[in-house]
PDB file of N, CA and C in Angstrom:
ATOM      1  N   UNK A   1     -40.480  22.198  29.360  1.00  0.00           N
ATOM      2  CA  UNK A   1     -40.033  21.148  28.559  1.00  0.00           C
ATOM      3  C   UNK A   1     -40.481  21.584  26.706  1.00  0.00           C
ATOM      4  N   UNK A   2     -39.678  21.704  26.360  1.00  0.00           N
ATOM      5  CA  UNK A   2     -40.039  22.485  24.688  1.00  0.00           C
ATOM      6  C   UNK A   2     -39.478  21.209  23.979  1.00  0.00           C
ATOM      7  N   UNK A   3     -40.859  20.721  23.008  1.00  0.00           N
ATOM      8  CA  UNK A   3     -40.478  19.670  22.043  1.00  0.00           C
ATOM      9  C   UNK A   3     -40.578  18.338  22.522  1.00  0.00           C
ATOM     10  N   UNK A   4     -41.141  17.927  23.650  1.00  0.00           N
ATOM     11  CA  UNK A   4     -41.381  16.959  24.609  1.00  0.00           C
ATOM     12  C   UNK A   4     -42.809  16.821  25.045  1.00  0.00           C
ATOM     13  N   UNK A   5     -43.489  15.826  24.617  1.00  0.00           N
ATOM     14  CA  UNK A   5     -44.866  15.662  25.109  1.00  0.00           C
ATOM     15  C   UNK A   5     -45.124  14.606  26.170  1.00  0.00           C
ATOM     16  N   UNK A   6     -45.705  15.276  27.357  1.00  0.00           N
ATOM     17  CA  UNK A   6     -45.958  14.892  28.610  1.00  0.00           C
ATOM     18  C   UNK A   6     -47.296  13.920  28.834  1.00  0.00           C
ATOM     19  N   UNK A   7     -47.573  13.617  27.761  1.00  0.00           N
ATOM     20  CA  UNK A   7     -48.940  12.883  27.985  1.00  0.00           C
ATOM     21  C   UNK A   7     -48.407  11.450  28.078  1.00  0.00           C
ATOM     22  N   UNK A   8     -49.087  10.702  27.649  1.00  0.00           N
ATOM     23  CA  UNK A   8     -49.104   8.955  28.218  1.00  0.00           C
ATOM     24  C   UNK A   8     -47.886   8.509  27.943  1.00  0.00           C
ATOM     25  N   UNK A   9     -47.502   7.775  28.600  1.00  0.00           N
ATOM     26  CA  UNK A   9     -45.829   7.413  28.395  1.00  0.00           C
ATOM     27  C   UNK A   9     -46.217   6.219  27.752  1.00  0.00           C
ATOM     28  N   UNK A  10     -46.998   5.670  27.454  1.00  0.00           N
ATOM     29  CA  UNK A  10     -47.403   3.659  26.536  1.00  0.00           C
ATOM     30  C   UNK A  10     -46.315   3.190  26.710  1.00  0.00           C
ATOM     31  N   UNK A  11     -45.865   2.920  28.054  1.00  0.00           N
ATOM     32  CA  UNK A  11     -44.934   2.118  28.664  1.00  0.00           C
ATOM     33  C   UNK A  11     -43.696   2.493  28.510  1.00  0.00           C
ATOM     34  N   UNK A  12     -43.114   3.449  28.199  1.00  0.00           N
ATOM     35  CA  UNK A  12     -41.800   4.058  27.968  1.00  0.00           C
ATOM     36  C   UNK A  12     -41.605   4.742  29.550  1.00  0.00           C
ATOM     37  N   UNK A  13     -40.384   4.659  30.426  1.00  0.00           N
ATOM     38  CA  UNK A  13     -40.247   5.093  31.404  1.00  0.00           C
ATOM     39  C   UNK A  13     -39.992   6.738  31.131  1.00  0.00           C
ATOM     40  N   UNK A  14     -39.571   7.144  29.993  1.00  0.00           N
ATOM     41  CA  UNK A  14     -39.374   8.262  29.878  1.00  0.00           C
ATOM     42  C   UNK A  14     -40.186   9.146  28.946  1.00  0.00           C
ATOM     43  N   UNK A  15     -40.552  10.585  28.712  1.00  0.00           N
ATOM     44  CA  UNK A  15     -41.431  11.205  28.098  1.00  0.00           C
ATOM     45  C   UNK A  15     -41.085  11.252  26.640  1.00  0.00           C
ATOM     46  N   UNK A  16     -41.821  10.800  25.735  1.00  0.00           N
ATOM     47  CA  UNK A  16     -41.834  10.587  24.046  1.00  0.00           C
ATOM     48  C   UNK A  16     -41.429  12.131  23.265  1.00  0.00           C
ATOM     49  N   UNK A  17     -40.529  12.302  22.415  1.00  0.00           N
ATOM     50  CA  UNK A  17     -40.075  13.285  21.931  1.00  0.00           C
ATOM     51  C   UNK A  17     -41.375  13.261  20.540  1.00  0.00           C
ATOM     52  N   UNK A  18     -41.586  14.955  20.866  1.00  0.00           N
ATOM     53  CA  UNK A  18     -42.725  14.768  19.607  1.00  0.00           C
ATOM     54  C   UNK A  18     -41.394  15.610  18.444  1.00  0.00           C
ATOM     55  N   UNK A  19     -41.863  14.986  17.095  1.00  0.00           N
ATOM     56  CA  UNK A  19     -41.497  15.633  15.914  1.00  0.00           C
ATOM     57  C   UNK A  19     -41.267  17.227  15.625  1.00  0.00           C
ATOM     58  N   UNK A  20     -40.689  18.144  15.002  1.00  0.00           N
ATOM     59  CA  UNK A  20     -40.701  19.146  15.050  1.00  0.00           C
ATOM     60  C   UNK A  20     -40.290  19.553  13.915  1.00  0.00           C
ATOM     61  N   UNK A  21     -41.884  20.090  13.117  1.00  0.00           N
ATOM     62  CA  UNK A  21     -41.366  20.380  11.566  1.00  0.00           C
ATOM     63  C   UNK A  21     -41.083  21.347  11.046  1.00  0.00           C
ATOM     64  N   UNK A  22     -40.920  22.388  12.360  1.00  0.00           N
ATOM     65  CA  UNK A  22     -40.813  23.835  11.752  1.00  0.00           C
ATOM     66  C   UNK A  22     -39.590  24.105  11.249  1.00  0.00           C
ATOM     67  N   UNK A  23     -38.614  23.277  11.287  1.00  0.00           N
ATOM     68  CA  UNK A  23     -37.304  23.428  10.552  1.00  0.00           C
ATOM     69  C   UNK A  23     -37.190  23.181   9.057  1.00  0.00           C
ATOM     70  N   UNK A  24     -38.596  22.816   8.664  1.00  0.00           N
ATOM     71  CA  UNK A  24     -38.532  22.852   7.141  1.00  0.00           C
ATOM     72  C   UNK A  24     -38.135  23.890   5.924  1.00  0.00           C
ATOM     73  N   UNK A  25     -37.423  23.609   4.898  1.00  0.00           N
ATOM     74  CA  UNK A  25     -37.270  24.829   3.854  1.00  0.00           C
ATOM     75  C   UNK A  25     -38.560  25.003   3.279  1.00  0.00           C
ATOM     76  N   UNK A  26     -38.585  26.001   3.187  1.00  0.00           N
ATOM     77  CA  UNK A  26     -39.824  26.620   2.182  1.00  0.00           C
ATOM     78  C   UNK A  26     -39.510  26.476   0.846  1.00  0.00           C
ATOM     79  N   UNK A  27     -40.416  26.700   0.132  1.00  0.00           N
ATOM     80  CA  UNK A  27     -40.263  26.189  -1.551  1.00  0.00           C
ATOM     81  C   UNK A  27     -39.187  27.288  -2.234  1.00  0.00           C
ATOM     82  N   UNK A  28     -38.765  26.694  -3.026  1.00  0.00           N
ATOM     83  CA  UNK A  28     -37.973  27.625  -4.345  1.00  0.00           C
ATOM     84  C   UNK A  28     -38.724  28.575  -4.736  1.00  0.00           C
ATOM     85  N   UNK A  29     -37.844  29.474  -5.031  1.00  0.00           N
ATOM     86  CA  UNK A  29     -38.374  30.984  -5.458  1.00  0.00           C
ATOM     87  C   UNK A  29     -37.871  30.564  -7.149  1.00  0.00           C
ATOM     88  N   UNK A  30     -39.112  30.119  -7.808  1.00  0.00           N
ATOM     89  CA  UNK A  30     -39.059  29.812  -9.352  1.00  0.00           C
ATOM     90  C   UNK A  30     -38.888  31.154 -10.005  1.00  0.00           C
ATOM     91  N   UNK A  31     -38.710  32.356  -9.784  1.00  0.00           N
ATOM     92  CA  UNK A  31     -38.981  33.876 -10.570  1.00  0.00           C
ATOM     93  C   UNK A  31     -36.899  34.182 -10.186  1.00  0.00           C
ATOM     94  N   UNK A  32     -36.589  33.325  -9.705  1.00  0.00           N
ATOM     95  CA  UNK A  32     -35.018  33.675  -9.436  1.00  0.00           C
ATOM     96  C   UNK A  32     -34.588  33.224 -10.561  1.00  0.00           C
ATOM     97  N   UNK A  33     -33.238  33.583 -11.289  1.00  0.00           N
ATOM     98  CA  UNK A  33     -32.586  33.090 -12.488  1.00  0.00           C
ATOM     99  C   UNK A  33     -31.415  32.148 -12.139  1.00  0.00           C
ATOM    100  N   UNK A  34     -31.223  31.864 -10.779  1.00  0.00           N
ATOM    101  CA  UNK A  34     -30.093  31.150 -10.325  1.00  0.00           C
ATOM    102  C   UNK A  34     -30.800  30.002  -9.027  1.00  0.00           C
ATOM    103  N   UNK A  35     -30.324  28.795  -9.487  1.00  0.00           N
ATOM    104  CA  UNK A  35     -30.535  28.001  -8.642  1.00  0.00           C
ATOM    105  C   UNK A  35     -29.733  26.729  -8.162  1.00  0.00           C
ATOM    106  N   UNK A  36     -29.722  25.906  -7.081  1.00  0.00           N
ATOM    107  CA  UNK A  36     -28.813  25.206  -6.953  1.00  0.00           C
ATOM    108  C   UNK A  36     -29.450  23.911  -7.636  1.00  0.00           C
ATOM    109  N   UNK A  37     -27.746  22.817  -7.417  1.00  0.00           N
ATOM    110  CA  UNK A  37     -28.376  21.821  -8.692  1.00  0.00           C
ATOM    111  C   UNK A  37     -29.408  20.821  -8.113  1.00  0.00           C
ATOM    112  N   UNK A  38     -29.266  20.737  -6.830  1.00  0.00           N
ATOM    113  CA  UNK A  38     -30.663  19.491  -6.381  1.00  0.00           C
ATOM    114  C   UNK A  38     -31.788  20.235  -6.533  1.00  0.00           C
ATOM    115  N   UNK A  39     -32.223  21.872  -6.460  1.00  0.00           N
ATOM    116  CA  UNK A  39     -33.295  22.189  -6.764  1.00  0.00           C
ATOM    117  C   UNK A  39     -33.576  21.965  -8.065  1.00  0.00           C
ATOM    118  N   UNK A  40     -32.322  22.346  -9.005  1.00  0.00           N
ATOM    119  CA  UNK A  40     -32.723  22.628 -10.411  1.00  0.00           C
ATOM    120  C   UNK A  40     -33.195  21.030 -10.644  1.00  0.00           C
ATOM    121  N   UNK A  41     -32.653  20.070 -10.312  1.00  0.00           N
ATOM    122  CA  UNK A  41     -33.024  18.424 -10.447  1.00  0.00           C
ATOM    123  C   UNK A  41     -34.716  18.521 -10.083  1.00  0.00           C
ATOM    124  N   UNK A  42     -34.921  19.195  -9.164  1.00  0.00           N
ATOM    125  CA  UNK A  42     -36.509  18.885  -8.892  1.00  0.00           C
ATOM    126  C   UNK A  42     -37.867  19.363  -9.489  1.00  0.00           C
ATOM    127  N   UNK A  43     -37.206  20.952  -9.704  1.00  0.00           N
ATOM    128  CA  UNK A  43     -37.637  21.908 -10.594  1.00  0.00           C
ATOM    129  C   UNK A  43     -37.481  21.707 -12.532  1.00  0.00           C
ATOM    130  N   UNK A  44     -36.726  20.630 -13.062  1.00  0.00           N
ATOM    131  CA  UNK A  44     -35.993  20.651 -14.044  1.00  0.00           C
ATOM    132  C   UNK A  44     -37.006  21.100 -15.046  1.00  0.00           C
ATOM    133  N   UNK A  45     -38.287  20.381 -15.364  1.00  0.00           N
ATOM    134  CA  UNK A  45     -39.322  20.476 -16.313  1.00  0.00           C
ATOM    135  C   UNK A  45     -39.751  21.986 -16.363  1.00  0.00           C
ATOM    136  N   UNK A  46     -39.779  22.320 -15.052  1.00  0.00           N
ATOM    137  CA  UNK A  46     -40.107  24.472 -15.022  1.00  0.00           C
ATOM    138  C   UNK A  46     -39.395  24.908 -15.242  1.00  0.00           C
ATOM    139  N   UNK A  47     -37.874  24.239 -15.190  1.00  0.00           N
ATOM    140  CA  UNK A  47     -36.646  25.706 -15.682  1.00  0.00           C
ATOM    141  C   UNK A  47     -36.617  25.411 -17.083  1.00  0.00           C
ATOM    142  N   UNK A  48     -37.345  24.320 -17.265  1.00  0.00           N
ATOM    143  CA  UNK A  48     -37.151  23.915 -19.075  1.00  0.00           C
ATOM    144  C   UNK A  48     -37.673  24.798 -19.741  1.00  0.00           C
ATOM    145  N   UNK A  49     -39.524  25.128 -19.255  1.00  0.00           N
ATOM    146  CA  UNK A  49     -40.345  26.043 -19.499  1.00  0.00           C
ATOM    147  C   UNK A  49     -39.725  27.528 -19.408  1.00  0.00           C
ATOM    148  N   UNK A  50     -39.052  27.529 -18.618  1.00  0.00           N
ATOM    149  CA  UNK A  50     -38.216  29.204 -18.630  1.00  0.00           C
ATOM    150  C   UNK A  50     -37.693  29.617 -19.527  1.00  0.00           C
ATOM    151  N   UNK A  51     -36.640  28.616 -19.800  1.00  0.00           N
ATOM    152  CA  UNK A  51     -35.614  28.731 -20.957  1.00  0.00           C
ATOM    153  C   UNK A  51     -36.244  28.623 -22.307  1.00  0.00           C
ATOM    154  N   UNK A  52     -37.115  27.846 -22.375  1.00  0.00           N
ATOM    155  CA  UNK A  52     -38.162  27.811 -23.941  1.00  0.00           C
ATOM    156  C   UNK A  52     -38.859  29.137 -23.967  1.00  0.00           C
ATOM    157  N   UNK A  53     -38.981  30.006 -22.963  1.00  0.00           N
ATOM    158  CA  UNK A  53     -39.801  31.388 -23.070  1.00  0.00           C
ATOM    159  C   UNK A  53     -38.836  32.570 -22.910  1.00  0.00           C
ATOM    160  N   UNK A  54     -37.742  32.114 -23.046  1.00  0.00           N
ATOM    161  CA  UNK A  54     -36.059  33.288 -23.200  1.00  0.00           C
ATOM    162  C   UNK A  54     -35.854  33.564 -22.375  1.00  0.00           C
ATOM    163  N   UNK A  55     -36.372  33.058 -21.029  1.00  0.00           N
ATOM    164  CA  UNK A  55     -35.681  33.369 -19.933  1.00  0.00           C
ATOM    165  C   UNK A  55     -34.042  32.626 -19.730  1.00  0.00           C
ATOM    166  N   UNK A  56     -33.151  33.487 -18.925  1.00  0.00           N
ATOM    167  CA  UNK A  56     -31.599  32.683 -18.476  1.00  0.00           C
ATOM    168  C   UNK A  56     -32.060  31.751 -17.146  1.00  0.00           C
ATOM    169  N   UNK A  57     -31.291  30.748 -17.587  1.00  0.00           N
ATOM    170  CA  UNK A  57     -31.421  30.340 -15.813  1.00  0.00           C
ATOM    171  C   UNK A  57     -29.987  29.681 -15.881  1.00  0.00           C
ATOM    172  N   UNK A  58     -29.194  29.808 -14.319  1.00  0.00           N
ATOM    173  CA  UNK A  58     -28.111  29.656 -14.305  1.00  0.00           C
ATOM    174  C   UNK A  58     -28.221  28.436 -12.899  1.00  0.00           C
ATOM    175  N   UNK A  59     -27.426  27.184 -13.378  1.00  0.00           N
ATOM    176  CA  UNK A  59     -27.143  26.353 -11.928  1.00  0.00           C
ATOM    177  C   UNK A  59     -25.764  26.395 -11.215  1.00  0.00           C
ATOM    178  N   UNK A  60     -26.386  26.545 -10.083  1.00  0.00           N
ATOM    179  CA  UNK A  60     -24.991  26.495  -9.290  1.00  0.00           C
ATOM    180  C   UNK A  60     -24.376  25.113  -8.572  1.00  0.00           C
ATOM    181  N   UNK A  61     -23.403  24.989  -8.824  1.00  0.00           N
ATOM    182  CA  UNK A  61     -22.801  23.714  -7.948  1.00  0.00           C
ATOM    183  C   UNK A  61     -21.627  24.261  -7.378  1.00  0.00           C
ATOM    184  N   UNK A  62     -21.544  24.175  -5.947  1.00  0.00           N
ATOM    185  CA  UNK A  62     -20.540  24.878  -5.191  1.00  0.00           C
ATOM    186  C   UNK A  62     -20.279  26.098  -6.005  1.00  0.00           C
ATOM    187  N   UNK A  63     -18.754  26.510  -6.284  1.00  0.00           N
ATOM    188  CA  UNK A  63     -18.692  27.513  -6.823  1.00  0.00           C
ATOM    189  C   UNK A  63     -18.627  27.580  -8.378  1.00  0.00           C
ATOM    190  N   UNK A  64     -19.093  26.787  -9.125  1.00  0.00           N
ATOM    191  CA  UNK A  64     -18.777  26.124 -10.597  1.00  0.00           C
ATOM    192  C   UNK A  64     -20.695  26.630 -10.944  1.00  0.00           C
ATOM    193  N   UNK A  65     -20.900  27.680 -12.001  1.00  0.00           N
ATOM    194  CA  UNK A  65     -21.884  27.999 -12.615  1.00  0.00           C
ATOM    195  C   UNK A  65     -22.072  27.240 -13.824  1.00  0.00           C
ATOM    196  N   UNK A  66     -23.159  27.218 -14.247  1.00  0.00           N
ATOM    197  CA  UNK A  66     -24.042  26.530 -15.318  1.00  0.00           C
ATOM    198  C   UNK A  66     -25.237  27.170 -16.374  1.00  0.00           C
ATOM    199  N   UNK A  67     -25.284  27.320 -17.458  1.00  0.00           N
ATOM    200  CA  UNK A  67     -26.244  27.708 -18.008  1.00  0.00           C
ATOM    201  C   UNK A  67     -27.288  26.843 -18.850  1.00  0.00           C
ATOM    202  N   UNK A  68     -28.575  26.983 -18.279  1.00  0.00           N
ATOM    203  CA  UNK A  68     -29.237  26.068 -19.061  1.00  0.00           C
ATOM    204  C   UNK A  68     -29.766  26.940 -20.067  1.00  0.00           C
ATOM    205  N   UNK A  69     -29.514  26.153 -21.310  1.00  0.00           N
ATOM    206  CA  UNK A  69     -30.133  27.112 -22.453  1.00  0.00           C
ATOM    207  C   UNK A  69     -30.756  26.141 -23.589  1.00  0.00           C
ATOM    208  N   UNK A  70     -31.398  26.485 -24.680  1.00  0.00           N
ATOM    209  CA  UNK A  70     -32.195  25.838 -25.563  1.00  0.00           C
ATOM    210  C   UNK A  70     -31.502  25.789 -26.634  1.00  0.00           C
ATOM    211  N   UNK A  71     -31.049  24.803 -27.529  1.00  0.00           N
ATOM    212  CA  UNK A  71     -30.111  24.428 -28.617  1.00  0.00           C
ATOM    213  C   UNK A  71     -31.044  24.585 -29.847  1.00  0.00           C
ATOM    214  N   UNK A  72     -30.606  25.113 -30.755  1.00  0.00           N
ATOM    215  CA  UNK A  72     -31.705  25.276 -31.854  1.00  0.00           C
ATOM    216  C   UNK A  72     -31.900  23.518 -32.566  1.00  0.00           C
ATOM    217  N   UNK A  73     -32.756  23.234 -33.395  1.00  0.00           N
ATOM    218  CA  UNK A  73     -32.584  21.986 -34.048  1.00  0.00           C
ATOM    219  C   UNK A  73     -31.569  21.820 -35.110  1.00  0.00           C
ATOM    220  N   UNK A  74     -31.105  20.667 -35.323  1.00  0.00           N
ATOM    221  CA  UNK A  74     -29.875  20.609 -36.395  1.00  0.00           C
ATOM    222  C   UNK A  74     -30.638  20.221 -37.542  1.00  0.00           C
ATOM    223  N   UNK A  75     -30.126  20.565 -38.605  1.00  0.00           N
ATOM    224  CA  UNK A  75     -30.375  20.526 -39.627  1.00  0.00           C
ATOM    225  C   UNK A  75     -29.820  18.812 -40.308  1.00  0.00           C
ATOM    226  N   UNK A  76     -30.844  18.247 -41.002  1.00  0.00           N
ATOM    227  CA  UNK A  76     -30.307  16.486 -41.299  1.00  0.00           C
ATOM    228  C   UNK A  76     -29.878  16.922 -42.290  1.00  0.00           C
ATOM    229  N   UNK A  77     -28.743  15.951 -42.429  1.00  0.00           N
ATOM    230  CA  UNK A  77     -28.079  15.569 -43.102  1.00  0.00           C
ATOM    231  C   UNK A  77     -28.422  15.261 -45.016  1.00  0.00           C
ATOM    232  N   UNK A  78     -28.286  15.779 -45.862  1.00  0.00           N
ATOM    233  CA  UNK A  78     -29.511  15.113 -47.221  1.00  0.00           C
ATOM    234  C   UNK A  78     -28.865  13.884 -47.328  1.00  0.00           C
ATOM    235  N   UNK A  79     -29.512  13.059 -48.169  1.00  0.00           N
ATOM    236  CA  UNK A  79     -29.138  11.812 -48.340  1.00  0.00           C
ATOM    237  C   UNK A  79     -28.764  12.036 -49.726  1.00  0.00           C
ATOM    238  N   UNK A  80     -27.016  11.503 -50.541  1.00  0.00           N
ATOM    239  CA  UNK A  80     -26.937  11.673 -51.546  1.00  0.00           C
ATOM    240  C   UNK A  80     -27.652  11.138 -52.457  1.00  0.00           C
ATOM    241  N   UNK A  81     -27.875  11.031 -53.757  1.00  0.00           N
ATOM    242  CA  UNK A  81     -28.761  10.312 -54.477  1.00  0.00           C
ATOM    243  C   UNK A  81     -27.332   9.351 -55.226  1.00  0.00           C
ATOM    244  N   UNK A  82     -27.690   8.357 -56.060  1.00  0.00           N
ATOM    245  CA  UNK A  82     -26.728   7.539 -56.384  1.00  0.00           C
ATOM    246  C   UNK A  82     -25.852   7.952 -57.787  1.00  0.00           C
ATOM    247  N   UNK A  83     -25.237   7.819 -57.265  1.00  0.00           N
ATOM    248  CA  UNK A  83     -23.921   8.605 -58.425  1.00  0.00           C
ATOM    249  C   UNK A  83     -23.250  10.005 -58.262  1.00  0.00           C
ATOM    250  N   UNK A  84     -23.659  10.221 -56.987  1.00  0.00           N
ATOM    251  CA  UNK A  84     -23.257  11.814 -56.877  1.00  0.00           C
ATOM    252  C   UNK A  84     -21.922  11.939 -57.089  1.00  0.00           C
ATOM    253  N   UNK A  85     -21.108  10.837 -56.450  1.00  0.00           N
ATOM    254  CA  UNK A  85     -19.805  11.444 -56.269  1.00  0.00           C
ATOM    255  C   UNK A  85     -18.973  10.804 -57.332  1.00  0.00           C
ATOM    256  N   UNK A  86     -19.525  10.181 -58.793  1.00  0.00           N
ATOM    257  CA  UNK A  86     -18.961   9.595 -59.458  1.00  0.00           C
ATOM    258  C   UNK A  86     -18.111  10.280 -60.365  1.00  0.00           C
ATOM    259  N   UNK A  87     -17.924  11.651 -60.872  1.00  0.00           N
ATOM    260  CA  UNK A  87     -17.377  12.395 -61.416  1.00  0.00           C
ATOM    261  C   UNK A  87     -15.990  13.174 -60.302  1.00  0.00           C
ATOM    262  N   UNK A  88     -15.588  12.757 -59.382  1.00  0.00           N
ATOM    263  CA  UNK A  88     -15.161  12.856 -58.189  1.00  0.00           C
ATOM    264  C   UNK A  88     -13.640  13.058 -58.382  1.00  0.00           C
ATOM    265  N   UNK A  89     -13.585  11.190 -58.952  1.00  0.00           N
ATOM    266  CA  UNK A  89     -12.119  11.098 -59.234  1.00  0.00           C
ATOM    267  C   UNK A  89     -12.095  10.330 -60.379  1.00  0.00           C
ATOM    268  N   UNK A  90     -10.930  10.100 -60.951  1.00  0.00           N
ATOM    269  CA  UNK A  90     -10.896   9.398 -62.322  1.00  0.00           C
ATOM    270  C   UNK A  90     -10.447   7.644 -61.726  1.00  0.00           C
ATOM    271  N   UNK A  91     -10.634   6.539 -63.106  1.00  0.00           N
ATOM    272  CA  UNK A  91     -10.416   5.631 -62.572  1.00  0.00           C
ATOM    273  C   UNK A  91      -8.816   5.377 -62.292  1.00  0.00           C
ATOM    274  N   UNK A  92      -8.211   5.648 -62.341  1.00  0.00           N
ATOM    275  CA  UNK A  92      -6.616   5.498 -61.914  1.00  0.00           C
ATOM    276  C   UNK A  92      -6.889   5.861 -60.376  1.00  0.00           C
ATOM    277  N   UNK A  93      -7.122   7.079 -60.342  1.00  0.00           N
ATOM    278  CA  UNK A  93      -7.399   7.456 -58.685  1.00  0.00           C
ATOM    279  C   UNK A  93      -7.992   6.308 -58.215  1.00  0.00           C
ATOM    280  N   UNK A  94      -9.371   6.073 -58.348  1.00  0.00           N
ATOM    281  CA  UNK A  94      -9.741   4.846 -57.639  1.00  0.00           C
ATOM    282  C   UNK A  94      -9.099   3.973 -57.466  1.00  0.00           C
ATOM    283  N   UNK A  95      -8.491   2.795 -58.646  1.00  0.00           N
ATOM    284  CA  UNK A  95      -7.421   2.072 -58.576  1.00  0.00           C
ATOM    285  C   UNK A  95      -6.774   2.006 -57.398  1.00  0.00           C
ATOM    286  N   UNK A  96      -5.989   3.163 -57.386  1.00  0.00           N
ATOM    287  CA  UNK A  96      -4.882   3.146 -56.400  1.00  0.00           C
ATOM    288  C   UNK A  96      -5.353   3.524 -55.174  1.00  0.00           C
ATOM    289  N   UNK A  97      -6.560   4.180 -54.666  1.00  0.00           N
ATOM    290  CA  UNK A  97      -7.014   4.175 -53.360  1.00  0.00           C
ATOM    291  C   UNK A  97      -7.677   2.793 -53.249  1.00  0.00           C
ATOM    292  N   UNK A  98      -8.207   2.057 -54.281  1.00  0.00           N
ATOM    293  CA  UNK A  98      -8.424   0.490 -53.674  1.00  0.00           C
ATOM    294  C   UNK A  98      -7.098   0.111 -53.329  1.00  0.00           C
ATOM    295  N   UNK A  99      -5.915  -0.221 -53.900  1.00  0.00           N
ATOM    296  CA  UNK A  99      -4.876  -0.716 -53.374  1.00  0.00           C
ATOM    297  C   UNK A  99      -4.251  -0.744 -52.422  1.00  0.00           C
ATOM    298  N   UNK A 100      -4.085   0.766 -52.018  1.00  0.00           N
ATOM    299  CA  UNK A 100      -4.155   1.454 -50.539  1.00  0.00           C
ATOM    300  C   UNK A 100      -4.628   0.889 -49.525  1.00  0.00           C
ATOM    301  N   UNK A 101      -6.285   0.644 -49.944  1.00  0.00           N
ATOM    302  CA  UNK A 101      -6.955   0.131 -48.967  1.00  0.00           C
ATOM    303  C   UNK A 101      -6.709  -1.200 -48.577  1.00  0.00           C
ATOM    304  N   UNK A 102      -6.602  -1.983 -49.992  1.00  0.00           N
ATOM    305  CA  UNK A 102      -6.206  -3.558 -49.450  1.00  0.00           C
ATOM    306  C   UNK A 102      -5.226  -3.760 -48.492  1.00  0.00           C
ATOM    307  N   UNK A 103      -4.179  -2.892 -48.812  1.00  0.00           N
ATOM    308  CA  UNK A 103      -3.083  -3.077 -48.392  1.00  0.00           C
ATOM    309  C   UNK A 103      -3.272  -2.625 -46.887  1.00  0.00           C
ATOM    310  N   UNK A 104      -3.729  -1.874 -46.365  1.00  0.00           N
ATOM    311  CA  UNK A 104      -3.994  -1.702 -45.139  1.00  0.00           C
ATOM    312  C   UNK A 104      -4.735  -2.353 -44.199  1.00  0.00           C
ATOM    313  N   UNK A 105      -5.257  -3.159 -45.026  1.00  0.00           N
ATOM    314  CA  UNK A 105      -6.411  -4.268 -43.855  1.00  0.00           C
ATOM    315  C   UNK A 105      -5.359  -5.425 -43.169  1.00  0.00           C
ATOM    316  N   UNK A 106      -5.768  -5.422 -41.831  1.00  0.00           N
ATOM    317  CA  UNK A 106      -5.028  -6.790 -41.492  1.00  0.00           C
ATOM    318  C   UNK A 106      -5.491  -7.808 -41.711  1.00  0.00           C
ATOM    319  N   UNK A 107      -5.074  -8.807 -42.089  1.00  0.00           N
ATOM    320  CA  UNK A 107      -5.807  -9.922 -42.689  1.00  0.00           C
ATOM    321  C   UNK A 107      -5.790 -11.161 -41.604  1.00  0.00           C
ATOM    322  N   UNK A 108      -6.211 -11.793 -41.122  1.00  0.00           N
ATOM    323  CA  UNK A 108      -6.219 -13.083 -40.288  1.00  0.00           C
ATOM    324  C   UNK A 108      -5.026 -14.129 -40.415  1.00  0.00           C
ATOM    325  N   UNK A 109      -4.530 -14.571 -39.957  1.00  0.00           N
ATOM    326  CA  UNK A 109      -3.376 -15.607 -40.544  1.00  0.00           C
ATOM    327  C   UNK A 109      -3.934 -16.903 -41.310  1.00  0.00           C
ATOM    328  N   UNK A 110      -3.653 -17.408 -42.248  1.00  0.00           N
ATOM    329  CA  UNK A 110      -3.858 -18.373 -42.917  1.00  0.00           C
ATOM    330  C   UNK A 110      -4.650 -19.868 -42.334  1.00  0.00           C
ATOM    331  N   UNK A 111      -3.332 -19.890 -41.232  1.00  0.00           N
ATOM    332  CA  UNK A 111      -4.355 -21.464 -40.612  1.00  0.00           C
ATOM    333  C   UNK A 111      -5.077 -21.179 -39.629  1.00  0.00           C
ATOM    334  N   UNK A 112      -6.012 -19.852 -39.087  1.00  0.00           N
ATOM    335  CA  UNK A 112      -7.067 -19.390 -38.642  1.00  0.00           C
ATOM    336  C   UNK A 112      -8.417 -19.788 -39.286  1.00  0.00           C
ATOM    337  N   UNK A 113      -8.338 -19.608 -40.594  1.00  0.00           N
ATOM    338  CA  UNK A 113      -9.356 -19.597 -41.311  1.00  0.00           C
ATOM    339  C   UNK A 113      -9.972 -20.859 -41.506  1.00  0.00           C
TER     340      UNK A 113
END
């Protein structure tokens, strides 16, 4: 009998099965460049280290392939000093734009205020 323990029955009328752990999967080969989604989630930190060293890492989900890559930092948007746009518009253009802005606002009915 394979996989069955014929030792003490401990109150059972039939032999107790012993767990067989020989079917466990081995570790993931981290030297590979392609990983399944489940193994990529497990080893995400290590895969990020590979990418930061310049290596290519592909993540496969079914028939779709995704690339894990480093994105360069985004330059911050500079803060404009006060009066930066002061000479962009004439006074007439500013008045016209302000009138258009006022007309486009939907106001609450007077009885609700």
